[in-house]
Amino acid sequence: MVAERNGGIGEQIRVVAQAQKQVQEQAEEAIQEAQKRSKLAKFFIGPNYGQLKQAEKSLEVNAEEWKELKELKNQVENPEDVAILEQEILKIEQAQADLELEVKNEKKGFSLFGWLN
């Protein structure tokens, strides 16, 4: 709705928001794949570092999109739209923090041969 009311900036907001959502979904999928590794496999070879690295890369891209959305928010003139964007940015920040915590938690733990990775 904000994108529709703000002309040229609105289209940029829409594109950034859609890209951010897509990147966040990719990060969530990578974390879910990493969590599928059995406890026995984690004990011997450690977590699925490939999936965790992919999730971290997605989170980095997500952080860039989030910064761009913050910059676009400063260009919006309608106070109601600014408030809506601030709420969405807070949701993005919380989701980012939650995903980063999940990645960190997945990396924790002892693995017998994890040093091989």
PDB file of N, CA and C in Angstrom:
ATOM      1  N   MET A   1       0.823  -1.194   0.000  1.00  0.00           N
ATOM      2  CA  MET A   1       0.000   0.000   0.000  1.00  0.00           C
ATOM      3  C   MET A   1       0.861   1.250   0.000  1.00  0.00           C
ATOM      4  N   VAL A   2       1.936   1.229   0.781  1.00  0.00           N
ATOM      5  CA  VAL A   2       2.833   2.380   0.843  1.00  0.00           C
ATOM      6  C   VAL A   2       3.434   2.628  -0.527  1.00  0.00           C
ATOM      7  N   ALA A   3       3.794   1.551  -1.203  1.00  0.00           N
ATOM      8  CA  ALA A   3       4.416   1.681  -2.518  1.00  0.00           C
ATOM      9  C   ALA A   3       3.480   2.349  -3.513  1.00  0.00           C
ATOM     10  N   GLU A   4       2.201   2.047  -3.441  1.00  0.00           N
ATOM     11  CA  GLU A   4       1.239   2.613  -4.376  1.00  0.00           C
ATOM     12  C   GLU A   4       1.020   4.106  -4.152  1.00  0.00           C
ATOM     13  N   ARG A   5       1.164   4.561  -2.918  1.00  0.00           N
ATOM     14  CA  ARG A   5       0.879   5.957  -2.600  1.00  0.00           C
ATOM     15  C   ARG A   5       2.067   6.880  -2.790  1.00  0.00           C
ATOM     16  N   ASN A   6       3.243   6.364  -3.044  1.00  0.00           N
ATOM     17  CA  ASN A   6       4.432   7.196  -3.053  1.00  0.00           C
ATOM     18  C   ASN A   6       5.147   7.268  -4.392  1.00  0.00           C
ATOM     19  N   GLY A   7       4.455   7.099  -5.468  1.00  0.00           N
ATOM     20  CA  GLY A   7       5.024   7.315  -6.799  1.00  0.00           C
ATOM     21  C   GLY A   7       6.295   6.535  -7.071  1.00  0.00           C
ATOM     22  N   GLY A   8       7.332   7.222  -7.568  1.00  0.00           N
ATOM     23  CA  GLY A   8       8.605   6.603  -7.953  1.00  0.00           C
ATOM     24  C   GLY A   8       9.299   5.907  -6.809  1.00  0.00           C
ATOM     25  N   ILE A   9       9.260   6.525  -5.642  1.00  0.00           N
ATOM     26  CA  ILE A   9       9.876   5.901  -4.458  1.00  0.00           C
ATOM     27  C   ILE A   9       9.116   4.630  -4.103  1.00  0.00           C
ATOM     28  N   GLY A  10       7.818   4.677  -4.310  1.00  0.00           N
ATOM     29  CA  GLY A  10       6.981   3.528  -3.985  1.00  0.00           C
ATOM     30  C   GLY A  10       7.380   2.284  -4.733  1.00  0.00           C
ATOM     31  N   GLU A  11       7.700   2.425  -6.008  1.00  0.00           N
ATOM     32  CA  GLU A  11       8.125   1.264  -6.796  1.00  0.00           C
ATOM     33  C   GLU A  11       9.447   0.714  -6.257  1.00  0.00           C
ATOM     34  N   GLN A  12      10.347   1.601  -5.868  1.00  0.00           N
ATOM     35  CA  GLN A  12      11.611   1.155  -5.280  1.00  0.00           C
ATOM     36  C   GLN A  12      11.346   0.405  -3.977  1.00  0.00           C
ATOM     37  N   ILE A  13      10.426   0.918  -3.164  1.00  0.00           N
ATOM     38  CA  ILE A  13      10.084   0.260  -1.901  1.00  0.00           C
ATOM     39  C   ILE A  13       9.528  -1.135  -2.182  1.00  0.00           C
ATOM     40  N   ARG A  14       8.663  -1.243  -3.163  1.00  0.00           N
ATOM     41  CA  ARG A  14       8.070  -2.535  -3.512  1.00  0.00           C
ATOM     42  C   ARG A  14       9.150  -3.529  -3.940  1.00  0.00           C
ATOM     43  N   VAL A  15      10.057  -3.084  -4.793  1.00  0.00           N
ATOM     44  CA  VAL A  15      11.118  -3.972  -5.286  1.00  0.00           C
ATOM     45  C   VAL A  15      12.017  -4.430  -4.138  1.00  0.00           C
ATOM     46  N   VAL A  16      12.398  -3.494  -3.279  1.00  0.00           N
ATOM     47  CA  VAL A  16      13.272  -3.838  -2.152  1.00  0.00           C
ATOM     48  C   VAL A  16      12.558  -4.791  -1.197  1.00  0.00           C
ATOM     49  N   ALA A  17      11.294  -4.522  -0.922  1.00  0.00           N
ATOM     50  CA  ALA A  17      10.547  -5.372  -0.001  1.00  0.00           C
ATOM     51  C   ALA A  17      10.394  -6.785  -0.557  1.00  0.00           C
ATOM     52  N   GLN A  18      10.116  -6.899  -1.844  1.00  0.00           N
ATOM     53  CA  GLN A  18       9.983  -8.219  -2.459  1.00  0.00           C
ATOM     54  C   GLN A  18      11.313  -8.967  -2.456  1.00  0.00           C
ATOM     55  N   ALA A  19      12.385  -8.269  -2.762  1.00  0.00           N
ATOM     56  CA  ALA A  19      13.715  -8.903  -2.748  1.00  0.00           C
ATOM     57  C   ALA A  19      14.078  -9.338  -1.344  1.00  0.00           C
ATOM     58  N   GLN A  20      13.779  -8.493  -0.374  1.00  0.00           N
ATOM     59  CA  GLN A  20      14.079  -8.808   1.022  1.00  0.00           C
ATOM     60  C   GLN A  20      13.326 -10.056   1.460  1.00  0.00           C
ATOM     61  N   LYS A  21      12.052 -10.138   1.098  1.00  0.00           N
ATOM     62  CA  LYS A  21      11.236 -11.296   1.474  1.00  0.00           C
ATOM     63  C   LYS A  21      11.796 -12.567   0.846  1.00  0.00           C
ATOM     64  N   GLN A  22      12.188 -12.488  -0.411  1.00  0.00           N
ATOM     65  CA  GLN A  22      12.723 -13.650  -1.112  1.00  0.00           C
ATOM     66  C   GLN A  22      14.043 -14.121  -0.484  1.00  0.00           C
ATOM     67  N   VAL A  23      14.900 -13.185  -0.157  1.00  0.00           N
ATOM     68  CA  VAL A  23      16.191 -13.528   0.452  1.00  0.00           C
ATOM     69  C   VAL A  23      15.974 -14.137   1.833  1.00  0.00           C
ATOM     70  N   GLN A  24      15.026 -13.593   2.583  1.00  0.00           N
ATOM     71  CA  GLN A  24      14.741 -14.126   3.909  1.00  0.00           C
ATOM     72  C   GLN A  24      14.219 -15.554   3.813  1.00  0.00           C
ATOM     73  N   GLU A  25      13.385 -15.826   2.835  1.00  0.00           N
ATOM     74  CA  GLU A  25      12.883 -17.181   2.628  1.00  0.00           C
ATOM     75  C   GLU A  25      14.012 -18.142   2.273  1.00  0.00           C
ATOM     76  N   GLN A  26      14.963 -17.682   1.463  1.00  0.00           N
ATOM     77  CA  GLN A  26      16.112 -18.516   1.111  1.00  0.00           C
ATOM     78  C   GLN A  26      16.926 -18.847   2.355  1.00  0.00           C
ATOM     79  N   ALA A  27      17.117 -17.868   3.222  1.00  0.00           N
ATOM     80  CA  ALA A  27      17.866 -18.096   4.458  1.00  0.00           C
ATOM     81  C   ALA A  27      17.137 -19.100   5.344  1.00  0.00           C
ATOM     82  N   GLU A  28      15.830 -18.956   5.455  1.00  0.00           N
ATOM     83  CA  GLU A  28      15.047 -19.887   6.267  1.00  0.00           C
ATOM     84  C   GLU A  28      15.137 -21.302   5.721  1.00  0.00           C
ATOM     85  N   GLU A  29      15.068 -21.449   4.395  1.00  0.00           N
ATOM     86  CA  GLU A  29      15.170 -22.773   3.781  1.00  0.00           C
ATOM     87  C   GLU A  29      16.541 -23.397   4.040  1.00  0.00           C
ATOM     88  N   ALA A  30      17.590 -22.606   3.938  1.00  0.00           N
ATOM     89  CA  ALA A  30      18.942 -23.118   4.188  1.00  0.00           C
ATOM     90  C   ALA A  30      19.087 -23.564   5.638  1.00  0.00           C
ATOM     91  N   ILE A  31      18.522 -22.799   6.556  1.00  0.00           N
ATOM     92  CA  ILE A  31      18.590 -23.177   7.972  1.00  0.00           C
ATOM     93  C   ILE A  31      17.806 -24.464   8.208  1.00  0.00           C
ATOM     94  N   GLN A  32      16.644 -24.582   7.593  1.00  0.00           N
ATOM     95  CA  GLN A  32      15.850 -25.801   7.746  1.00  0.00           C
ATOM     96  C   GLN A  32      16.599 -27.009   7.208  1.00  0.00           C
ATOM     97  N   GLU A  33      17.284 -26.858   6.081  1.00  0.00           N
ATOM     98  CA  GLU A  33      18.084 -27.955   5.528  1.00  0.00           C
ATOM     99  C   GLU A  33      19.218 -28.327   6.480  1.00  0.00           C
ATOM    100  N   ALA A  34      19.835 -27.326   7.069  1.00  0.00           N
ATOM    101  CA  ALA A  34      20.923 -27.586   8.014  1.00  0.00           C
ATOM    102  C   ALA A  34      20.402 -28.307   9.250  1.00  0.00           C
ATOM    103  N   GLN A  35      19.189 -28.003   9.664  1.00  0.00           N
ATOM    104  CA  GLN A  35      18.613 -28.623  10.851  1.00  0.00           C
ATOM    105  C   GLN A  35      18.191 -30.066  10.601  1.00  0.00           C
ATOM    106  N   LYS A  36      18.097 -30.463   9.359  1.00  0.00           N
ATOM    107  CA  LYS A  36      17.690 -31.829   9.029  1.00  0.00           C
ATOM    108  C   LYS A  36      18.780 -32.858   9.325  1.00  0.00           C
ATOM    109  N   ARG A  37      20.010 -32.382   9.472  1.00  0.00           N
ATOM    110  CA  ARG A  37      21.108 -33.321   9.750  1.00  0.00           C
ATOM    111  C   ARG A  37      20.850 -33.994  11.103  1.00  0.00           C
ATOM    112  N   SER A  38      20.978 -35.299  11.146  1.00  0.00           N
ATOM    113  CA  SER A  38      20.687 -36.049  12.370  1.00  0.00           C
ATOM    114  C   SER A  38      21.698 -35.728  13.467  1.00  0.00           C
ATOM    115  N   LYS A  39      21.299 -35.991  14.686  1.00  0.00           N
ATOM    116  CA  LYS A  39      22.178 -35.732  15.831  1.00  0.00           C
ATOM    117  C   LYS A  39      23.439 -36.586  15.746  1.00  0.00           C
ATOM    118  N   LEU A  40      23.300 -37.794  15.244  1.00  0.00           N
ATOM    119  CA  LEU A  40      24.456 -38.680  15.106  1.00  0.00           C
ATOM    120  C   LEU A  40      25.454 -38.107  14.097  1.00  0.00           C
ATOM    121  N   ALA A  41      24.930 -37.642  12.966  1.00  0.00           N
ATOM    122  CA  ALA A  41      25.794 -37.041  11.951  1.00  0.00           C
ATOM    123  C   ALA A  41      26.448 -35.771  12.496  1.00  0.00           C
ATOM    124  N   LYS A  42      25.688 -34.974  13.250  1.00  0.00           N
ATOM    125  CA  LYS A  42      26.260 -33.756  13.840  1.00  0.00           C
ATOM    126  C   LYS A  42      27.371 -34.115  14.817  1.00  0.00           C
ATOM    127  N   PHE A  43      27.182 -35.203  15.564  1.00  0.00           N
ATOM    128  CA  PHE A  43      28.203 -35.605  16.524  1.00  0.00           C
ATOM    129  C   PHE A  43      29.501 -35.983  15.819  1.00  0.00           C
ATOM    130  N   PHE A  44      29.391 -36.711  14.728  1.00  0.00           N
ATOM    131  CA  PHE A  44      30.597 -37.164  14.045  1.00  0.00           C
ATOM    132  C   PHE A  44      31.208 -36.112  13.117  1.00  0.00           C
ATOM    133  N   ILE A  45      30.404 -35.479  12.282  1.00  0.00           N
ATOM    134  CA  ILE A  45      30.979 -34.563  11.281  1.00  0.00           C
ATOM    135  C   ILE A  45      30.594 -33.099  11.474  1.00  0.00           C
ATOM    136  N   GLY A  46      29.740 -32.818  12.428  1.00  0.00           N
ATOM    137  CA  GLY A  46      29.371 -31.433  12.707  1.00  0.00           C
ATOM    138  C   GLY A  46      28.142 -30.998  11.922  1.00  0.00           C
ATOM    139  N   PRO A  47      27.775 -29.742  12.079  1.00  0.00           N
ATOM    140  CA  PRO A  47      26.584 -29.239  11.378  1.00  0.00           C
ATOM    141  C   PRO A  47      26.813 -29.142   9.873  1.00  0.00           C
ATOM    142  N   ASN A  48      25.768 -28.896   9.160  1.00  0.00           N
ATOM    143  CA  ASN A  48      25.827 -28.764   7.704  1.00  0.00           C
ATOM    144  C   ASN A  48      26.361 -27.360   7.378  1.00  0.00           C
ATOM    145  N   TYR A  49      27.673 -27.251   7.329  1.00  0.00           N
ATOM    146  CA  TYR A  49      28.297 -25.940   7.139  1.00  0.00           C
ATOM    147  C   TYR A  49      27.954 -25.315   5.789  1.00  0.00           C
ATOM    148  N   GLY A  50      27.748 -26.117   4.775  1.00  0.00           N
ATOM    149  CA  GLY A  50      27.395 -25.590   3.452  1.00  0.00           C
ATOM    150  C   GLY A  50      26.082 -24.823   3.507  1.00  0.00           C
ATOM    151  N   GLN A  51      25.084 -25.426   4.129  1.00  0.00           N
ATOM    152  CA  GLN A  51      23.782 -24.768   4.251  1.00  0.00           C
ATOM    153  C   GLN A  51      23.870 -23.546   5.166  1.00  0.00           C
ATOM    154  N   LEU A  52      24.658 -23.652   6.221  1.00  0.00           N
ATOM    155  CA  LEU A  52      24.799 -22.520   7.144  1.00  0.00           C
ATOM    156  C   LEU A  52      25.505 -21.341   6.477  1.00  0.00           C
ATOM    157  N   LYS A  53      26.487 -21.641   5.637  1.00  0.00           N
ATOM    158  CA  LYS A  53      27.160 -20.554   4.906  1.00  0.00           C
ATOM    159  C   LYS A  53      26.207 -19.903   3.918  1.00  0.00           C
ATOM    160  N   GLN A  54      25.387 -20.705   3.279  1.00  0.00           N
ATOM    161  CA  GLN A  54      24.399 -20.165   2.353  1.00  0.00           C
ATOM    162  C   GLN A  54      23.413 -19.271   3.113  1.00  0.00           C
ATOM    163  N   ALA A  55      23.005 -19.702   4.295  1.00  0.00           N
ATOM    164  CA  ALA A  55      22.094 -18.887   5.112  1.00  0.00           C
ATOM    165  C   ALA A  55      22.764 -17.579   5.517  1.00  0.00           C
ATOM    166  N   GLU A  56      24.042 -17.639   5.875  1.00  0.00           N
ATOM    167  CA  GLU A  56      24.766 -16.424   6.261  1.00  0.00           C
ATOM    168  C   GLU A  56      24.872 -15.448   5.088  1.00  0.00           C
ATOM    169  N   LYS A  57      25.123 -15.975   3.902  1.00  0.00           N
ATOM    170  CA  LYS A  57      25.184 -15.108   2.717  1.00  0.00           C
ATOM    171  C   LYS A  57      23.828 -14.446   2.464  1.00  0.00           C
ATOM    172  N   SER A  58      22.770 -15.215   2.611  1.00  0.00           N
ATOM    173  CA  SER A  58      21.428 -14.663   2.434  1.00  0.00           C
ATOM    174  C   SER A  58      21.156 -13.581   3.474  1.00  0.00           C
ATOM    175  N   LEU A  59      21.609 -13.796   4.686  1.00  0.00           N
ATOM    176  CA  LEU A  59      21.403 -12.801   5.736  1.00  0.00           C
ATOM    177  C   LEU A  59      22.194 -11.527   5.459  1.00  0.00           C
ATOM    178  N   GLU A  60      23.363 -11.665   4.856  1.00  0.00           N
ATOM    179  CA  GLU A  60      24.139 -10.478   4.484  1.00  0.00           C
ATOM    180  C   GLU A  60      23.399  -9.670   3.416  1.00  0.00           C
ATOM    181  N   VAL A  61      22.860 -10.369   2.416  1.00  0.00           N
ATOM    182  CA  VAL A  61      22.092  -9.692   1.368  1.00  0.00           C
ATOM    183  C   VAL A  61      20.853  -9.050   1.987  1.00  0.00           C
ATOM    184  N   ASN A  62      20.229  -9.769   2.909  1.00  0.00           N
ATOM    185  CA  ASN A  62      19.049  -9.262   3.591  1.00  0.00           C
ATOM    186  C   ASN A  62      19.376  -7.975   4.350  1.00  0.00           C
ATOM    187  N   ALA A  63      20.530  -7.913   4.975  1.00  0.00           N
ATOM    188  CA  ALA A  63      20.945  -6.719   5.711  1.00  0.00           C
ATOM    189  C   ALA A  63      21.120  -5.534   4.762  1.00  0.00           C
ATOM    190  N   GLU A  64      21.647  -5.794   3.580  1.00  0.00           N
ATOM    191  CA  GLU A  64      21.805  -4.722   2.589  1.00  0.00           C
ATOM    192  C   GLU A  64      20.443  -4.205   2.129  1.00  0.00           C
ATOM    193  N   GLU A  65      19.522  -5.113   1.885  1.00  0.00           N
ATOM    194  CA  GLU A  65      18.177  -4.717   1.473  1.00  0.00           C
ATOM    195  C   GLU A  65      17.506  -3.906   2.584  1.00  0.00           C
ATOM    196  N   TRP A  66      17.710  -4.327   3.794  1.00  0.00           N
ATOM    197  CA  TRP A  66      17.145  -3.656   4.960  1.00  0.00           C
ATOM    198  C   TRP A  66      17.676  -2.228   5.060  1.00  0.00           C
ATOM    199  N   LYS A  67      18.971  -2.033   4.831  1.00  0.00           N
ATOM    200  CA  LYS A  67      19.566  -0.696   4.856  1.00  0.00           C
ATOM    201  C   LYS A  67      18.982   0.173   3.739  1.00  0.00           C
ATOM    202  N   GLU A  68      18.787  -0.410   2.574  1.00  0.00           N
ATOM    203  CA  GLU A  68      18.228   0.336   1.453  1.00  0.00           C
ATOM    204  C   GLU A  68      16.792   0.771   1.762  1.00  0.00           C
ATOM    205  N   LEU A  69      16.041  -0.111   2.417  1.00  0.00           N
ATOM    206  CA  LEU A  69      14.678   0.231   2.795  1.00  0.00           C
ATOM    207  C   LEU A  69      14.661   1.378   3.800  1.00  0.00           C
ATOM    208  N   LYS A  70      15.629   1.387   4.707  1.00  0.00           N
ATOM    209  CA  LYS A  70      15.737   2.488   5.674  1.00  0.00           C
ATOM    210  C   LYS A  70      16.013   3.809   4.959  1.00  0.00           C
ATOM    211  N   GLU A  71      16.877   3.768   3.956  1.00  0.00           N
ATOM    212  CA  GLU A  71      17.185   4.979   3.193  1.00  0.00           C
ATOM    213  C   GLU A  71      15.960   5.471   2.426  1.00  0.00           C
ATOM    214  N   LEU A  72      15.202   4.550   1.866  1.00  0.00           N
ATOM    215  CA  LEU A  72      13.998   4.928   1.139  1.00  0.00           C
ATOM    216  C   LEU A  72      12.945   5.508   2.082  1.00  0.00           C
ATOM    217  N   LYS A  73      12.916   5.003   3.298  1.00  0.00           N
ATOM    218  CA  LYS A  73      11.961   5.513   4.282  1.00  0.00           C
ATOM    219  C   LYS A  73      12.181   7.005   4.518  1.00  0.00           C
ATOM    220  N   ASN A  74      13.429   7.431   4.498  1.00  0.00           N
ATOM    221  CA  ASN A  74      13.753   8.835   4.726  1.00  0.00           C
ATOM    222  C   ASN A  74      13.261   9.737   3.594  1.00  0.00           C
ATOM    223  N   GLN A  75      12.960   9.159   2.447  1.00  0.00           N
ATOM    224  CA  GLN A  75      12.486   9.938   1.305  1.00  0.00           C
ATOM    225  C   GLN A  75      10.962  10.041   1.257  1.00  0.00           C
ATOM    226  N   VAL A  76      10.282   9.262   2.084  1.00  0.00           N
ATOM    227  CA  VAL A  76       8.822   9.276   2.109  1.00  0.00           C
ATOM    228  C   VAL A  76       8.358  10.482   2.921  1.00  0.00           C
ATOM    229  N   GLU A  77       7.370  11.193   2.394  1.00  0.00           N
ATOM    230  CA  GLU A  77       6.914  12.423   3.033  1.00  0.00           C
ATOM    231  C   GLU A  77       5.694  12.228   3.923  1.00  0.00           C
ATOM    232  N   ASN A  78       4.843  11.291   3.620  1.00  0.00           N
ATOM    233  CA  ASN A  78       3.619  11.065   4.384  1.00  0.00           C
ATOM    234  C   ASN A  78       3.950  10.410   5.737  1.00  0.00           C
ATOM    235  N   PRO A  79       3.605  11.055   6.868  1.00  0.00           N
ATOM    236  CA  PRO A  79       3.929  10.510   8.192  1.00  0.00           C
ATOM    237  C   PRO A  79       3.315   9.133   8.451  1.00  0.00           C
ATOM    238  N   GLU A  80       2.141   8.873   7.911  1.00  0.00           N
ATOM    239  CA  GLU A  80       1.510   7.564   8.093  1.00  0.00           C
ATOM    240  C   GLU A  80       2.325   6.481   7.392  1.00  0.00           C
ATOM    241  N   ASP A  81       2.780   6.787   6.196  1.00  0.00           N
ATOM    242  CA  ASP A  81       3.588   5.829   5.448  1.00  0.00           C
ATOM    243  C   ASP A  81       4.933   5.589   6.137  1.00  0.00           C
ATOM    244  N   VAL A  82       5.496   6.647   6.696  1.00  0.00           N
ATOM    245  CA  VAL A  82       6.763   6.511   7.431  1.00  0.00           C
ATOM    246  C   VAL A  82       6.559   5.578   8.618  1.00  0.00           C
ATOM    247  N   ALA A  83       5.447   5.739   9.327  1.00  0.00           N
ATOM    248  CA  ALA A  83       5.166   4.879  10.478  1.00  0.00           C
ATOM    249  C   ALA A  83       5.006   3.420  10.052  1.00  0.00           C
ATOM    250  N   ILE A  84       4.313   3.202   8.939  1.00  0.00           N
ATOM    251  CA  ILE A  84       4.139   1.837   8.427  1.00  0.00           C
ATOM    252  C   ILE A  84       5.488   1.233   8.059  1.00  0.00           C
ATOM    253  N   LEU A  85       6.309   2.006   7.366  1.00  0.00           N
ATOM    254  CA  LEU A  85       7.642   1.513   6.979  1.00  0.00           C
ATOM    255  C   LEU A  85       8.494   1.220   8.209  1.00  0.00           C
ATOM    256  N   GLU A  86       8.412   2.060   9.231  1.00  0.00           N
ATOM    257  CA  GLU A  86       9.185   1.821  10.455  1.00  0.00           C
ATOM    258  C   GLU A  86       8.767   0.513  11.113  1.00  0.00           C
ATOM    259  N   GLN A  87       7.457   0.235  11.122  1.00  0.00           N
ATOM    260  CA  GLN A  87       6.980  -1.029  11.681  1.00  0.00           C
ATOM    261  C   GLN A  87       7.512  -2.213  10.884  1.00  0.00           C
ATOM    262  N   GLU A  88       7.484  -2.094   9.573  1.00  0.00           N
ATOM    263  CA  GLU A  88       7.986  -3.180   8.731  1.00  0.00           C
ATOM    264  C   GLU A  88       9.490  -3.370   8.910  1.00  0.00           C
ATOM    265  N   ILE A  89      10.208  -2.273   9.044  1.00  0.00           N
ATOM    266  CA  ILE A  89      11.651  -2.362   9.260  1.00  0.00           C
ATOM    267  C   ILE A  89      11.947  -3.052  10.583  1.00  0.00           C
ATOM    268  N   LEU A  90      11.156  -2.747  11.609  1.00  0.00           N
ATOM    269  CA  LEU A  90      11.335  -3.421  12.904  1.00  0.00           C
ATOM    270  C   LEU A  90      11.073  -4.915  12.780  1.00  0.00           C
ATOM    271  N   LYS A  91      10.067  -5.292  12.000  1.00  0.00           N
ATOM    272  CA  LYS A  91       9.787  -6.717  11.775  1.00  0.00           C
ATOM    273  C   LYS A  91      10.963  -7.388  11.063  1.00  0.00           C
ATOM    274  N   ILE A  92      11.526  -6.691  10.076  1.00  0.00           N
ATOM    275  CA  ILE A  92      12.663  -7.228   9.335  1.00  0.00           C
ATOM    276  C   ILE A  92      13.857  -7.398  10.269  1.00  0.00           C
ATOM    277  N   GLU A  93      14.103  -6.399  11.119  1.00  0.00           N
ATOM    278  CA  GLU A  93      15.216  -6.471  12.065  1.00  0.00           C
ATOM    279  C   GLU A  93      15.045  -7.666  12.994  1.00  0.00           C
ATOM    280  N   GLN A  94      13.828  -7.867  13.495  1.00  0.00           N
ATOM    281  CA  GLN A  94      13.570  -8.990  14.404  1.00  0.00           C
ATOM    282  C   GLN A  94      13.766 -10.323  13.693  1.00  0.00           C
ATOM    283  N   ALA A  95      13.250 -10.434  12.471  1.00  0.00           N
ATOM    284  CA  ALA A  95      13.418 -11.672  11.706  1.00  0.00           C
ATOM    285  C   ALA A  95      14.896 -11.927  11.435  1.00  0.00           C
ATOM    286  N   GLN A  96      15.641 -10.879  11.112  1.00  0.00           N
ATOM    287  CA  GLN A  96      17.077 -10.991  10.863  1.00  0.00           C
ATOM    288  C   GLN A  96      17.789 -11.505  12.120  1.00  0.00           C
ATOM    289  N   ALA A  97      17.451 -10.920  13.259  1.00  0.00           N
ATOM    290  CA  ALA A  97      18.082 -11.333  14.510  1.00  0.00           C
ATOM    291  C   ALA A  97      17.741 -12.780  14.842  1.00  0.00           C
ATOM    292  N   ASP A  98      16.490 -13.173  14.625  1.00  0.00           N
ATOM    293  CA  ASP A  98      16.077 -14.554  14.893  1.00  0.00           C
ATOM    294  C   ASP A  98      16.833 -15.542  14.009  1.00  0.00           C
ATOM    295  N   LEU A  99      16.959 -15.219  12.729  1.00  0.00           N
ATOM    296  CA  LEU A  99      17.661 -16.109  11.806  1.00  0.00           C
ATOM    297  C   LEU A  99      19.150 -16.200  12.147  1.00  0.00           C
ATOM    298  N   GLU A 100      19.750 -15.061  12.503  1.00  0.00           N
ATOM    299  CA  GLU A 100      21.157 -15.075  12.895  1.00  0.00           C
ATOM    300  C   GLU A 100      21.368 -15.937  14.138  1.00  0.00           C
ATOM    301  N   LEU A 101      20.436 -15.875  15.084  1.00  0.00           N
ATOM    302  CA  LEU A 101      20.519 -16.695  16.292  1.00  0.00           C
ATOM    303  C   LEU A 101      20.395 -18.177  15.950  1.00  0.00           C
ATOM    304  N   GLU A 102      19.498 -18.502  15.033  1.00  0.00           N
ATOM    305  CA  GLU A 102      19.352 -19.903  14.618  1.00  0.00           C
ATOM    306  C   GLU A 102      20.631 -20.425  13.977  1.00  0.00           C
ATOM    307  N   VAL A 103      21.261 -19.621  13.128  1.00  0.00           N
ATOM    308  CA  VAL A 103      22.519 -20.031  12.498  1.00  0.00           C
ATOM    309  C   VAL A 103      23.580 -20.247  13.567  1.00  0.00           C
ATOM    310  N   LYS A 104      23.656 -19.327  14.490  1.00  0.00           N
ATOM    311  CA  LYS A 104      24.640 -19.430  15.578  1.00  0.00           C
ATOM    312  C   LYS A 104      24.404 -20.691  16.405  1.00  0.00           C
ATOM    313  N   ASN A 105      23.147 -20.972  16.717  1.00  0.00           N
ATOM    314  CA  ASN A 105      22.822 -22.165  17.503  1.00  0.00           C
ATOM    315  C   ASN A 105      23.133 -23.448  16.746  1.00  0.00           C
ATOM    316  N   GLU A 106      22.925 -23.443  15.439  1.00  0.00           N
ATOM    317  CA  GLU A 106      23.226 -24.625  14.632  1.00  0.00           C
ATOM    318  C   GLU A 106      24.729 -24.903  14.596  1.00  0.00           C
ATOM    319  N   LYS A 107      25.528 -23.868  14.691  1.00  0.00           N
ATOM    320  CA  LYS A 107      26.982 -24.048  14.640  1.00  0.00           C
ATOM    321  C   LYS A 107      27.548 -24.554  15.961  1.00  0.00           C
ATOM    322  N   LYS A 108      26.782 -24.411  17.015  1.00  0.00           N
ATOM    323  CA  LYS A 108      27.245 -24.839  18.336  1.00  0.00           C
ATOM    324  C   LYS A 108      27.326 -26.355  18.425  1.00  0.00           C
ATOM    325  N   GLY A 109      28.061 -26.792  19.397  1.00  0.00           N
ATOM    326  CA  GLY A 109      28.095 -28.216  19.687  1.00  0.00           C
ATOM    327  C   GLY A 109      29.424 -28.856  19.340  1.00  0.00           C
ATOM    328  N   PHE A 110      29.621 -30.007  19.929  1.00  0.00           N
ATOM    329  CA  PHE A 110      30.835 -30.766  19.725  1.00  0.00           C
ATOM    330  C   PHE A 110      30.648 -31.722  18.551  1.00  0.00           C
ATOM    331  N   SER A 111      31.693 -31.869  17.760  1.00  0.00           N
ATOM    332  CA  SER A 111      31.683 -32.882  16.711  1.00  0.00           C
ATOM    333  C   SER A 111      33.037 -33.588  16.721  1.00  0.00           C
ATOM    334  N   LEU A 112      32.974 -34.875  16.615  1.00  0.00           N
ATOM    335  CA  LEU A 112      34.163 -35.699  16.698  1.00  0.00           C
ATOM    336  C   LEU A 112      35.154 -35.399  15.589  1.00  0.00           C
ATOM    337  N   PHE A 113      34.688 -35.330  14.362  1.00  0.00           N
ATOM    338  CA  PHE A 113      35.560 -35.081  13.218  1.00  0.00           C
ATOM    339  C   PHE A 113      35.231 -33.755  12.539  1.00  0.00           C
ATOM    340  N   GLY A 114      34.602 -32.850  13.245  1.00  0.00           N
ATOM    341  CA  GLY A 114      34.196 -31.560  12.691  1.00  0.00           C
ATOM    342  C   GLY A 114      35.361 -30.727  12.186  1.00  0.00           C
ATOM    343  N   TRP A 115      36.534 -30.941  12.756  1.00  0.00           N
ATOM    344  CA  TRP A 115      37.704 -30.177  12.338  1.00  0.00           C
ATOM    345  C   TRP A 115      38.078 -30.487  10.894  1.00  0.00           C
ATOM    346  N   LEU A 116      37.610 -31.612  10.348  1.00  0.00           N
ATOM    347  CA  LEU A 116      37.885 -31.950   8.958  1.00  0.00           C
ATOM    348  C   LEU A 116      37.204 -30.970   8.007  1.00  0.00           C
ATOM    349  N   ASN A 117      36.046 -30.491   8.404  1.00  0.00           N
ATOM    350  CA  ASN A 117      35.306 -29.546   7.554  1.00  0.00           C
ATOM    351  C   ASN A 117      36.060 -28.254   7.471  1.00  0.00           C
TER     352      ASN A 117
END
